[in-house]
C-alpha atoms as a PDB file:
ATOM      1  CA  UNK A   1     -33.896 -37.121  57.329  1.00  0.00           C
ATOM      2  CA  UNK A   2     -37.550 -36.582  56.519  1.00  0.00           C
ATOM      3  CA  UNK A   3     -38.502 -36.607  52.813  1.00  0.00           C
ATOM      4  CA  UNK A   4     -41.705 -34.737  53.692  1.00  0.00           C
ATOM      5  CA  UNK A   5     -39.601 -32.146  55.514  1.00  0.00           C
ATOM      6  CA  UNK A   6     -37.505 -31.749  52.366  1.00  0.00           C
ATOM      7  CA  UNK A   7     -40.640 -31.195  50.267  1.00  0.00           C
ATOM      8  CA  UNK A   8     -41.955 -28.665  52.767  1.00  0.00           C
ATOM      9  CA  UNK A   9     -38.717 -26.726  52.655  1.00  0.00           C
ATOM     10  CA  UNK A  10     -38.705 -26.709  48.848  1.00  0.00           C
ATOM     11  CA  UNK A  11     -42.335 -25.583  48.830  1.00  0.00           C
ATOM     12  CA  UNK A  12     -41.391 -22.555  50.934  1.00  0.00           C
ATOM     13  CA  UNK A  13     -38.176 -21.728  49.078  1.00  0.00           C
ATOM     14  CA  UNK A  14     -37.006 -23.531  45.932  1.00  0.00           C
ATOM     15  CA  UNK A  15     -33.725 -25.315  46.581  1.00  0.00           C
ATOM     16  CA  UNK A  16     -34.013 -25.353  50.381  1.00  0.00           C
ATOM     17  CA  UNK A  17     -35.102 -28.994  50.329  1.00  0.00           C
ATOM     18  CA  UNK A  18     -32.038 -29.938  48.288  1.00  0.00           C
ATOM     19  CA  UNK A  19     -29.788 -28.130  50.762  1.00  0.00           C
ATOM     20  CA  UNK A  20     -31.517 -30.093  53.528  1.00  0.00           C
ATOM     21  CA  UNK A  21     -30.810 -33.320  51.600  1.00  0.00           C
ATOM     22  CA  UNK A  22     -27.121 -32.319  51.234  1.00  0.00           C
ATOM     23  CA  UNK A  23     -27.421 -31.628  47.483  1.00  0.00           C
ATOM     24  CA  UNK A  24     -26.090 -28.098  47.567  1.00  0.00           C
ATOM     25  CA  UNK A  25     -25.324 -27.630  43.864  1.00  0.00           C
ATOM     26  CA  UNK A  26     -28.827 -28.698  42.840  1.00  0.00           C
ATOM     27  CA  UNK A  27     -30.290 -26.539  45.599  1.00  0.00           C
ATOM     28  CA  UNK A  28     -28.409 -23.488  44.392  1.00  0.00           C
ATOM     29  CA  UNK A  29     -29.384 -24.248  40.791  1.00  0.00           C
ATOM     30  CA  UNK A  30     -33.058 -24.556  41.722  1.00  0.00           C
ATOM     31  CA  UNK A  31     -33.006 -21.335  43.716  1.00  0.00           C
ATOM     32  CA  UNK A  32     -31.119 -19.312  41.106  1.00  0.00           C
ATOM     33  CA  UNK A  33     -33.174 -20.782  38.248  1.00  0.00           C
ATOM     34  CA  UNK A  34     -36.534 -20.088  39.855  1.00  0.00           C
ATOM     35  CA  UNK A  35     -35.463 -16.633  41.028  1.00  0.00           C
ATOM     36  CA  UNK A  36     -34.074 -15.714  37.618  1.00  0.00           C
ATOM     37  CA  UNK A  37     -37.220 -16.855  35.844  1.00  0.00           C
ATOM     38  CA  UNK A  38     -39.456 -14.938  38.263  1.00  0.00           C
ATOM     39  CA  UNK A  39     -37.342 -11.804  37.829  1.00  0.00           C
ATOM     40  CA  UNK A  40     -37.584 -12.274  34.059  1.00  0.00           C
ATOM     41  CA  UNK A  41     -41.371 -12.550  34.386  1.00  0.00           C
ATOM     42  CA  UNK A  42     -41.478  -9.349  36.441  1.00  0.00           C
ATOM     43  CA  UNK A  43     -39.347  -7.436  33.929  1.00  0.00           C
ATOM     44  CA  UNK A  44     -41.375  -8.641  30.936  1.00  0.00           C
ATOM     45  CA  UNK A  45     -44.616  -7.839  32.785  1.00  0.00           C
ATOM     46  CA  UNK A  46     -43.431  -4.259  33.287  1.00  0.00           C
ATOM     47  CA  UNK A  47     -42.461  -4.112  29.614  1.00  0.00           C
ATOM     48  CA  UNK A  48     -45.875  -5.500  28.621  1.00  0.00           C
ATOM     49  CA  UNK A  49     -47.687  -2.891  30.717  1.00  0.00           C
ATOM     50  CA  UNK A  50     -45.510  -0.119  29.296  1.00  0.00           C
ATOM     51  CA  UNK A  51     -46.155  -1.087  25.655  1.00  0.00           C
ATOM     52  CA  UNK A  52     -49.832  -1.820  26.216  1.00  0.00           C
ATOM     53  CA  UNK A  53     -50.717   1.293  28.221  1.00  0.00           C
ATOM     54  CA  UNK A  54     -48.381   3.844  26.640  1.00  0.00           C
ATOM     55  CA  UNK A  55     -48.191   2.713  23.022  1.00  0.00           C
ATOM     56  CA  UNK A  56     -51.153   0.495  22.146  1.00  0.00           C
ATOM     57  CA  UNK A  57     -54.029   2.072  24.090  1.00  0.00           C
ATOM     58  CA  UNK A  58     -53.528   5.663  22.801  1.00  0.00           C
ATOM     59  CA  UNK A  59     -53.452   4.429  19.192  1.00  0.00           C
ATOM     60  CA  UNK A  60     -56.299   1.941  19.691  1.00  0.00           C
ATOM     61  CA  UNK A  61     -58.586   4.632  21.118  1.00  0.00           C
ATOM     62  CA  UNK A  62     -58.358   6.451  17.797  1.00  0.00           C
ATOM     63  CA  UNK A  63     -58.675   3.371  15.535  1.00  0.00           C
ATOM     64  CA  UNK A  64     -58.096  -0.126  16.913  1.00  0.00           C
ATOM     65  CA  UNK A  65     -57.878  -1.611  13.386  1.00  0.00           C
ATOM     66  CA  UNK A  66     -55.134   0.697  12.133  1.00  0.00           C
ATOM     67  CA  UNK A  67     -51.775  -0.848  11.169  1.00  0.00           C
ATOM     68  CA  UNK A  68     -50.054   1.044  13.999  1.00  0.00           C
ATOM     69  CA  UNK A  69     -52.570  -0.269  16.561  1.00  0.00           C
ATOM     70  CA  UNK A  70     -52.132  -3.829  15.292  1.00  0.00           C
ATOM     71  CA  UNK A  71     -48.351  -3.452  15.375  1.00  0.00           C
ATOM     72  CA  UNK A  72     -48.387  -2.168  18.974  1.00  0.00           C
ATOM     73  CA  UNK A  73     -50.853  -4.871  19.999  1.00  0.00           C
ATOM     74  CA  UNK A  74     -48.507  -7.537  18.583  1.00  0.00           C
ATOM     75  CA  UNK A  75     -45.584  -6.000  20.475  1.00  0.00           C
ATOM     76  CA  UNK A  76     -47.557  -6.070  23.725  1.00  0.00           C
ATOM     77  CA  UNK A  77     -48.762  -9.615  23.017  1.00  0.00           C
ATOM     78  CA  UNK A  78     -45.186 -10.828  22.464  1.00  0.00           C
ATOM     79  CA  UNK A  79     -44.218  -9.489  25.873  1.00  0.00           C
ATOM     80  CA  UNK A  80     -47.297 -11.066  27.434  1.00  0.00           C
ATOM     81  CA  UNK A  81     -46.411 -14.465  25.945  1.00  0.00           C
ATOM     82  CA  UNK A  82     -42.807 -14.141  27.107  1.00  0.00           C
ATOM     83  CA  UNK A  83     -44.008 -13.313  30.628  1.00  0.00           C
ATOM     84  CA  UNK A  84     -46.235 -16.405  30.587  1.00  0.00           C
ATOM     85  CA  UNK A  85     -43.284 -18.529  29.453  1.00  0.00           C
ATOM     86  CA  UNK A  86     -41.158 -17.240  32.330  1.00  0.00           C
ATOM     87  CA  UNK A  87     -43.934 -17.935  34.847  1.00  0.00           C
ATOM     88  CA  UNK A  88     -44.566 -21.476  33.608  1.00  0.00           C
ATOM     89  CA  UNK A  89     -40.841 -22.218  33.437  1.00  0.00           C
ATOM     90  CA  UNK A  90     -40.422 -20.966  37.028  1.00  0.00           C
ATOM     91  CA  UNK A  91     -43.300 -23.213  38.121  1.00  0.00           C
ATOM     92  CA  UNK A  92     -41.619 -26.134  36.347  1.00  0.00           C
ATOM     93  CA  UNK A  93     -38.277 -25.537  38.045  1.00  0.00           C
ATOM     94  CA  UNK A  94     -40.066 -25.194  41.380  1.00  0.00           C
ATOM     95  CA  UNK A  95     -41.944 -28.480  40.800  1.00  0.00           C
ATOM     96  CA  UNK A  96     -38.639 -30.139  39.890  1.00  0.00           C
ATOM     97  CA  UNK A  97     -37.197 -28.776  43.139  1.00  0.00           C
ATOM     98  CA  UNK A  98     -40.031 -30.381  45.124  1.00  0.00           C
ATOM     99  CA  UNK A  99     -39.594 -33.778  43.471  1.00  0.00           C
ATOM    100  CA  UNK A 100     -35.808 -33.707  43.617  1.00  0.00           C
ATOM    101  CA  UNK A 101     -35.764 -32.782  47.302  1.00  0.00           C
ATOM    102  CA  UNK A 102     -38.024 -35.760  48.101  1.00  0.00           C
ATOM    103  CA  UNK A 103     -35.897 -38.155  46.050  1.00  0.00           C
ATOM    104  CA  UNK A 104     -32.678 -36.657  47.422  1.00  0.00           C
ATOM    105  CA  UNK A 105     -33.804 -37.129  51.025  1.00  0.00           C
ATOM    106  CA  UNK A 106     -34.728 -40.762  50.339  1.00  0.00           C
ATOM    107  CA  UNK A 107     -31.381 -41.391  48.632  1.00  0.00           C
ATOM    108  CA  UNK A 108     -29.550 -39.757  51.533  1.00  0.00           C
ATOM    109  CA  UNK A 109     -31.403 -42.030  53.965  1.00  0.00           C
ATOM    110  CA  UNK A 110     -30.619 -45.111  51.869  1.00  0.00           C
ATOM    111  CA  UNK A 111     -26.945 -44.166  51.663  1.00  0.00           C
ATOM    112  CA  UNK A 112     -26.779 -43.584  55.420  1.00  0.00           C
ATOM    113  CA  UNK A 113     -28.346 -46.990  56.083  1.00  0.00           C
ATOM    114  CA  UNK A 114     -25.963 -48.671  53.627  1.00  0.00           C
ATOM    115  CA  UNK A 115     -22.965 -47.043  55.316  1.00  0.00           C
ATOM    116  CA  UNK A 116     -24.243 -48.191  58.712  1.00  0.00           C
ATOM    117  CA  UNK A 117     -24.579 -51.753  57.403  1.00  0.00           C
ATOM    118  CA  UNK A 118     -21.029 -51.628  56.052  1.00  0.00           C
ATOM    119  CA  UNK A 119     -19.758 -50.475  59.441  1.00  0.00           C
ATOM    120  CA  UNK A 120     -21.717 -53.240  61.169  1.00  0.00           C
ATOM    121  CA  UNK A 121     -20.259 -55.818  58.791  1.00  0.00           C
ATOM    122  CA  UNK A 122     -16.747 -54.542  59.530  1.00  0.00           C
ATOM    123  CA  UNK A 123     -17.451 -54.964  63.240  1.00  0.00           C
ATOM    124  CA  UNK A 124     -18.632 -58.519  62.650  1.00  0.00           C
ATOM    125  CA  UNK A 125     -15.608 -59.186  60.448  1.00  0.00           C
ATOM    126  CA  UNK A 126     -13.320 -58.285  63.337  1.00  0.00           C
ATOM    127  CA  UNK A 127     -14.717 -61.152  65.396  1.00  0.00           C
ATOM    128  CA  UNK A 128     -12.650 -64.326  65.342  1.00  0.00           C
ATOM    129  CA  UNK A 129     -14.423 -67.668  65.343  1.00  0.00           C
ATOM    130  CA  UNK A 130     -12.533 -70.611  66.828  1.00  0.00           C
ATOM    131  CA  UNK A 131     -13.618 -74.164  66.301  1.00  0.00           C
ATOM    132  CA  UNK A 132     -12.027 -77.127  68.060  1.00  0.00           C
ATOM    133  CA  UNK A 133     -13.133 -80.651  67.352  1.00  0.00           C
ATOM    134  CA  UNK A 134     -12.056 -83.663  69.418  1.00  0.00           C
ATOM    135  CA  UNK A 135     -13.536 -87.165  69.352  1.00  0.00           C
ATOM    136  CA  UNK A 136     -15.619 -86.448  72.432  1.00  0.00           C
ATOM    137  CA  UNK A 137     -16.508 -82.767  72.147  1.00  0.00           C
ATOM    138  CA  UNK A 138     -17.038 -79.810  69.837  1.00  0.00           C
ATOM    139  CA  UNK A 139     -15.994 -76.328  70.983  1.00  0.00           C
ATOM    140  CA  UNK A 140     -17.120 -73.196  69.208  1.00  0.00           C
ATOM    141  CA  UNK A 141     -15.872 -69.836  70.432  1.00  0.00           C
ATOM    142  CA  UNK A 142     -16.167 -66.232  69.331  1.00  0.00           C
ATOM    143  CA  UNK A 143     -13.250 -64.012  70.256  1.00  0.00           C
ATOM    144  CA  UNK A 144     -13.096 -60.234  70.057  1.00  0.00           C
ATOM    145  CA  UNK A 145      -9.677 -58.564  70.245  1.00  0.00           C
ATOM    146  CA  UNK A 146      -9.497 -55.016  71.612  1.00  0.00           C
END
């Protein structure tokens, strides 16, 4: 399993690299988390545009220092900051997905190699070594039973 392939998959779609590395729960969590945060950013962006264009701008054109204009500006600014939070959080989850897919692929490879070594050791353990010693000769034999 290629760790670089896992990173590439996670770069295209968050969580895909974890699925590739057989970490399905983390893959689903990364995908749902990133998607949810991006949807949250989209919703708050629409809310920001609505408040800014429909409530702040009409009042600010009359008097941008009025209490109503300042109130509407603060409402729009809160939505802008929330949108930024969602975007940065989505980028963080996506970055985590990239790193975790790389680590997960390496761990999967290490586990596969360890399991192969265990199987090889079992095969070696099934060999029987016979040793016969007499005053004139030494016989060493390896026997495999099928």
